[in-house]
C-alpha atoms as a PDB file:
ATOM      1  CA  UNK A   1       0.000   0.000   0.000  1.00  0.00           C
ATOM      2  CA  UNK A   2       2.752   2.436   0.966  1.00  0.00           C
ATOM      3  CA  UNK A   3       4.657   1.561  -2.198  1.00  0.00           C
ATOM      4  CA  UNK A   4       1.594   2.400  -4.306  1.00  0.00           C
ATOM      5  CA  UNK A   5       1.307   5.804  -2.617  1.00  0.00           C
ATOM      6  CA  UNK A   6       5.000   6.530  -3.180  1.00  0.00           C
ATOM      7  CA  UNK A   7       4.796   5.467  -6.841  1.00  0.00           C
ATOM      8  CA  UNK A   8       1.505   7.287  -7.535  1.00  0.00           C
ATOM      9  CA  UNK A   9       1.253  10.276  -5.152  1.00  0.00           C
ATOM     10  CA  UNK A  10      -1.484  11.905  -7.195  1.00  0.00           C
ATOM     11  CA  UNK A  11      -3.871   9.146  -6.011  1.00  0.00           C
ATOM     12  CA  UNK A  12      -3.028  10.036  -2.419  1.00  0.00           C
ATOM     13  CA  UNK A  13      -3.947  13.688  -2.989  1.00  0.00           C
ATOM     14  CA  UNK A  14      -7.087  12.874  -4.966  1.00  0.00           C
ATOM     15  CA  UNK A  15      -8.223  10.439  -2.274  1.00  0.00           C
ATOM     16  CA  UNK A  16      -7.424  12.894   0.507  1.00  0.00           C
ATOM     17  CA  UNK A  17      -9.349  15.609  -1.321  1.00  0.00           C
ATOM     18  CA  UNK A  18     -12.349  13.339  -1.758  1.00  0.00           C
ATOM     19  CA  UNK A  19     -12.310  12.328   1.911  1.00  0.00           C
ATOM     20  CA  UNK A  20     -12.060  15.952   3.024  1.00  0.00           C
ATOM     21  CA  UNK A  21     -15.000  16.912   0.816  1.00  0.00           C
ATOM     22  CA  UNK A  22     -17.047  14.004   2.208  1.00  0.00           C
ATOM     23  CA  UNK A  23     -16.160  15.083   5.744  1.00  0.00           C
ATOM     24  CA  UNK A  24     -17.247  18.625   4.844  1.00  0.00           C
ATOM     25  CA  UNK A  25     -20.654  17.325   3.778  1.00  0.00           C
ATOM     26  CA  UNK A  26     -21.061  15.616   7.181  1.00  0.00           C
ATOM     27  CA  UNK A  27     -20.111  18.799   9.033  1.00  0.00           C
ATOM     28  CA  UNK A  28     -20.811  22.336   8.013  1.00  0.00           C
ATOM     29  CA  UNK A  29     -18.015  24.615   9.175  1.00  0.00           C
ATOM     30  CA  UNK A  30     -16.633  25.290   5.685  1.00  0.00           C
ATOM     31  CA  UNK A  31     -12.937  24.838   6.365  1.00  0.00           C
ATOM     32  CA  UNK A  32     -12.621  21.270   5.059  1.00  0.00           C
ATOM     33  CA  UNK A  33     -14.072  22.410   1.739  1.00  0.00           C
ATOM     34  CA  UNK A  34     -11.011  24.515   0.986  1.00  0.00           C
ATOM     35  CA  UNK A  35      -8.587  21.867   2.201  1.00  0.00           C
ATOM     36  CA  UNK A  36     -10.366  19.306   0.016  1.00  0.00           C
ATOM     37  CA  UNK A  37     -10.212  21.540  -3.037  1.00  0.00           C
ATOM     38  CA  UNK A  38      -6.524  22.233  -2.355  1.00  0.00           C
ATOM     39  CA  UNK A  39      -5.790  18.490  -2.086  1.00  0.00           C
ATOM     40  CA  UNK A  40      -7.630  17.779  -5.340  1.00  0.00           C
ATOM     41  CA  UNK A  41      -5.701  20.583  -7.047  1.00  0.00           C
ATOM     42  CA  UNK A  42      -2.367  19.215  -5.794  1.00  0.00           C
ATOM     43  CA  UNK A  43      -3.392  15.742  -7.024  1.00  0.00           C
ATOM     44  CA  UNK A  44      -4.229  17.057 -10.486  1.00  0.00           C
ATOM     45  CA  UNK A  45      -1.039  19.117 -10.711  1.00  0.00           C
ATOM     46  CA  UNK A  46       1.055  16.166  -9.476  1.00  0.00           C
ATOM     47  CA  UNK A  47      -0.566  13.947 -12.072  1.00  0.00           C
ATOM     48  CA  UNK A  48       0.704  16.307 -14.790  1.00  0.00           C
ATOM     49  CA  UNK A  49       4.041  17.432 -13.305  1.00  0.00           C
ATOM     50  CA  UNK A  50       6.508  15.477 -11.181  1.00  0.00           C
ATOM     51  CA  UNK A  51       7.773  17.134  -7.975  1.00  0.00           C
ATOM     52  CA  UNK A  52       8.835  16.037  -4.494  1.00  0.00           C
ATOM     53  CA  UNK A  53       6.672  15.251  -1.485  1.00  0.00           C
ATOM     54  CA  UNK A  54       7.978  18.348   0.286  1.00  0.00           C
ATOM     55  CA  UNK A  55       6.902  20.547  -2.612  1.00  0.00           C
ATOM     56  CA  UNK A  56       3.524  18.849  -2.692  1.00  0.00           C
ATOM     57  CA  UNK A  57       3.020  19.506   1.041  1.00  0.00           C
ATOM     58  CA  UNK A  58       4.003  23.157   0.710  1.00  0.00           C
ATOM     59  CA  UNK A  59       1.736  23.558  -2.324  1.00  0.00           C
ATOM     60  CA  UNK A  60      -1.151  21.976  -0.410  1.00  0.00           C
ATOM     61  CA  UNK A  61      -0.632  24.326   2.554  1.00  0.00           C
ATOM     62  CA  UNK A  62      -0.382  27.404   0.326  1.00  0.00           C
ATOM     63  CA  UNK A  63      -3.437  26.497  -1.728  1.00  0.00           C
ATOM     64  CA  UNK A  64      -5.448  25.878   1.454  1.00  0.00           C
ATOM     65  CA  UNK A  65      -4.453  29.261   2.891  1.00  0.00           C
ATOM     66  CA  UNK A  66      -5.077  31.104  -0.377  1.00  0.00           C
ATOM     67  CA  UNK A  67      -8.497  29.470  -0.874  1.00  0.00           C
ATOM     68  CA  UNK A  68      -9.554  30.198   2.723  1.00  0.00           C
ATOM     69  CA  UNK A  69      -8.345  33.812   2.456  1.00  0.00           C
ATOM     70  CA  UNK A  70     -10.170  34.369  -0.844  1.00  0.00           C
ATOM     71  CA  UNK A  71     -13.346  32.874   0.626  1.00  0.00           C
ATOM     72  CA  UNK A  72     -13.055  35.174   3.657  1.00  0.00           C
ATOM     73  CA  UNK A  73     -12.612  38.223   1.409  1.00  0.00           C
ATOM     74  CA  UNK A  74     -15.564  37.233  -0.766  1.00  0.00           C
ATOM     75  CA  UNK A  75     -17.806  36.796   2.293  1.00  0.00           C
ATOM     76  CA  UNK A  76     -16.750  40.198   3.665  1.00  0.00           C
ATOM     77  CA  UNK A  77     -17.428  41.832   0.282  1.00  0.00           C
ATOM     78  CA  UNK A  78     -20.792  40.106  -0.025  1.00  0.00           C
ATOM     79  CA  UNK A  79     -21.821  41.145   3.475  1.00  0.00           C
ATOM     80  CA  UNK A  80     -20.936  44.792   2.782  1.00  0.00           C
ATOM     81  CA  UNK A  81     -23.113  44.848  -0.351  1.00  0.00           C
ATOM     82  CA  UNK A  82     -26.222  43.521   1.394  1.00  0.00           C
ATOM     83  CA  UNK A  83     -28.580  46.098   2.839  1.00  0.00           C
ATOM     84  CA  UNK A  84     -29.007  46.192   6.590  1.00  0.00           C
ATOM     85  CA  UNK A  85     -31.788  43.670   7.034  1.00  0.00           C
ATOM     86  CA  UNK A  86     -34.089  43.795  10.048  1.00  0.00           C
ATOM     87  CA  UNK A  87     -36.166  40.778   9.163  1.00  0.00           C
ATOM     88  CA  UNK A  88     -38.618  39.964  11.964  1.00  0.00           C
ATOM     89  CA  UNK A  89     -37.551  43.103  13.858  1.00  0.00           C
ATOM     90  CA  UNK A  90     -40.579  45.274  13.240  1.00  0.00           C
ATOM     91  CA  UNK A  91     -39.501  48.102  15.540  1.00  0.00           C
ATOM     92  CA  UNK A  92     -36.069  48.396  13.855  1.00  0.00           C
ATOM     93  CA  UNK A  93     -37.766  48.594  10.462  1.00  0.00           C
ATOM     94  CA  UNK A  94     -39.492  51.786  11.635  1.00  0.00           C
ATOM     95  CA  UNK A  95     -36.260  53.739  12.140  1.00  0.00           C
ATOM     96  CA  UNK A  96     -36.398  56.804   9.893  1.00  0.00           C
ATOM     97  CA  UNK A  97     -40.194  56.688   9.548  1.00  0.00           C
ATOM     98  CA  UNK A  98     -41.983  60.057   9.676  1.00  0.00           C
ATOM     99  CA  UNK A  99     -45.089  60.254  11.881  1.00  0.00           C
ATOM    100  CA  UNK A 100     -47.602  62.793  13.121  1.00  0.00           C
ATOM    101  CA  UNK A 101     -48.423  62.712  16.825  1.00  0.00           C
ATOM    102  CA  UNK A 102     -52.155  62.249  17.413  1.00  0.00           C
ATOM    103  CA  UNK A 103     -51.809  63.042  21.116  1.00  0.00           C
ATOM    104  CA  UNK A 104     -49.330  65.184  22.986  1.00  0.00           C
ATOM    105  CA  UNK A 105     -46.371  63.774  24.893  1.00  0.00           C
ATOM    106  CA  UNK A 106     -46.372  64.190  28.674  1.00  0.00           C
ATOM    107  CA  UNK A 107     -42.959  64.010  30.368  1.00  0.00           C
ATOM    108  CA  UNK A 108     -41.572  62.998  26.968  1.00  0.00           C
ATOM    109  CA  UNK A 109     -43.716  59.830  26.830  1.00  0.00           C
ATOM    110  CA  UNK A 110     -46.793  58.939  24.822  1.00  0.00           C
ATOM    111  CA  UNK A 111     -48.289  56.627  22.236  1.00  0.00           C
ATOM    112  CA  UNK A 112     -48.686  56.797  18.488  1.00  0.00           C
ATOM    113  CA  UNK A 113     -50.709  54.651  16.099  1.00  0.00           C
ATOM    114  CA  UNK A 114     -48.806  52.979  13.289  1.00  0.00           C
ATOM    115  CA  UNK A 115     -50.902  50.809  11.033  1.00  0.00           C
ATOM    116  CA  UNK A 116     -53.172  48.734  13.252  1.00  0.00           C
ATOM    117  CA  UNK A 117     -50.952  48.969  16.341  1.00  0.00           C
ATOM    118  CA  UNK A 118     -50.187  51.422  19.086  1.00  0.00           C
ATOM    119  CA  UNK A 119     -46.532  52.066  19.897  1.00  0.00           C
ATOM    120  CA  UNK A 120     -45.012  53.688  22.944  1.00  0.00           C
ATOM    121  CA  UNK A 121     -42.858  56.679  21.999  1.00  0.00           C
ATOM    122  CA  UNK A 122     -40.318  58.702  23.921  1.00  0.00           C
ATOM    123  CA  UNK A 123     -38.802  62.102  23.164  1.00  0.00           C
ATOM    124  CA  UNK A 124     -36.358  64.356  24.992  1.00  0.00           C
ATOM    125  CA  UNK A 125     -39.135  66.821  25.883  1.00  0.00           C
ATOM    126  CA  UNK A 126     -42.892  67.282  25.676  1.00  0.00           C
ATOM    127  CA  UNK A 127     -44.399  67.700  22.205  1.00  0.00           C
ATOM    128  CA  UNK A 128     -47.926  68.845  21.318  1.00  0.00           C
ATOM    129  CA  UNK A 129     -50.376  66.805  19.240  1.00  0.00           C
ATOM    130  CA  UNK A 130     -49.970  67.306  15.491  1.00  0.00           C
ATOM    131  CA  UNK A 131     -46.168  67.582  15.656  1.00  0.00           C
ATOM    132  CA  UNK A 132     -44.313  65.878  12.781  1.00  0.00           C
ATOM    133  CA  UNK A 133     -41.688  63.533  14.229  1.00  0.00           C
ATOM    134  CA  UNK A 134     -39.208  60.998  12.931  1.00  0.00           C
ATOM    135  CA  UNK A 135     -38.289  57.693  14.568  1.00  0.00           C
ATOM    136  CA  UNK A 136     -34.586  57.925  15.478  1.00  0.00           C
ATOM    137  CA  UNK A 137     -34.100  54.630  17.259  1.00  0.00           C
ATOM    138  CA  UNK A 138     -35.567  51.812  19.307  1.00  0.00           C
ATOM    139  CA  UNK A 139     -35.079  50.983  22.984  1.00  0.00           C
ATOM    140  CA  UNK A 140     -36.802  47.699  23.764  1.00  0.00           C
ATOM    141  CA  UNK A 141     -40.417  48.234  22.658  1.00  0.00           C
ATOM    142  CA  UNK A 142     -40.215  52.026  22.866  1.00  0.00           C
ATOM    143  CA  UNK A 143     -39.632  54.100  19.750  1.00  0.00           C
ATOM    144  CA  UNK A 144     -37.293  57.082  20.241  1.00  0.00           C
ATOM    145  CA  UNK A 145     -38.563  60.093  18.329  1.00  0.00           C
ATOM    146  CA  UNK A 146     -37.427  63.634  17.586  1.00  0.00           C
ATOM    147  CA  UNK A 147     -39.261  66.579  16.022  1.00  0.00           C
ATOM    148  CA  UNK A 148     -38.802  66.527  12.253  1.00  0.00           C
ATOM    149  CA  UNK A 149     -37.590  70.155  12.131  1.00  0.00           C
ATOM    150  CA  UNK A 150     -34.588  69.494  14.427  1.00  0.00           C
ATOM    151  CA  UNK A 151     -33.367  66.401  12.527  1.00  0.00           C
ATOM    152  CA  UNK A 152     -32.826  68.204   9.197  1.00  0.00           C
END
């Protein structure tokens, strides 16, 4: 068995790559994918070009690091391009929304109707009914608001 591996090292790398890819399918952390692809690449290159075991090991390590680094960069780029999603976070989706107060705020606290719900709102000071406000943030289930004139 060892003699076959020494005489045909490309089979070792192709087998190792296949086993790493199978192990990646059983788990889901993503790292074995890049090691498996690197091993398959070394096996294919070794099949075409003869070089020593040391060179094959270094090539495998470099390809693994390069593939993992490129994957990391692609994920970071992809995450930057996606809009800030607040799926299932209804209060966070309201940030930036303009509203008109239907009742005045007392001690900076009050309620406002949005759609079919009533939301607790808080401002830095009292505001009369009819004031145009904008939602500036969320604290728990309370919407932080500010008068629309001061936010421009």
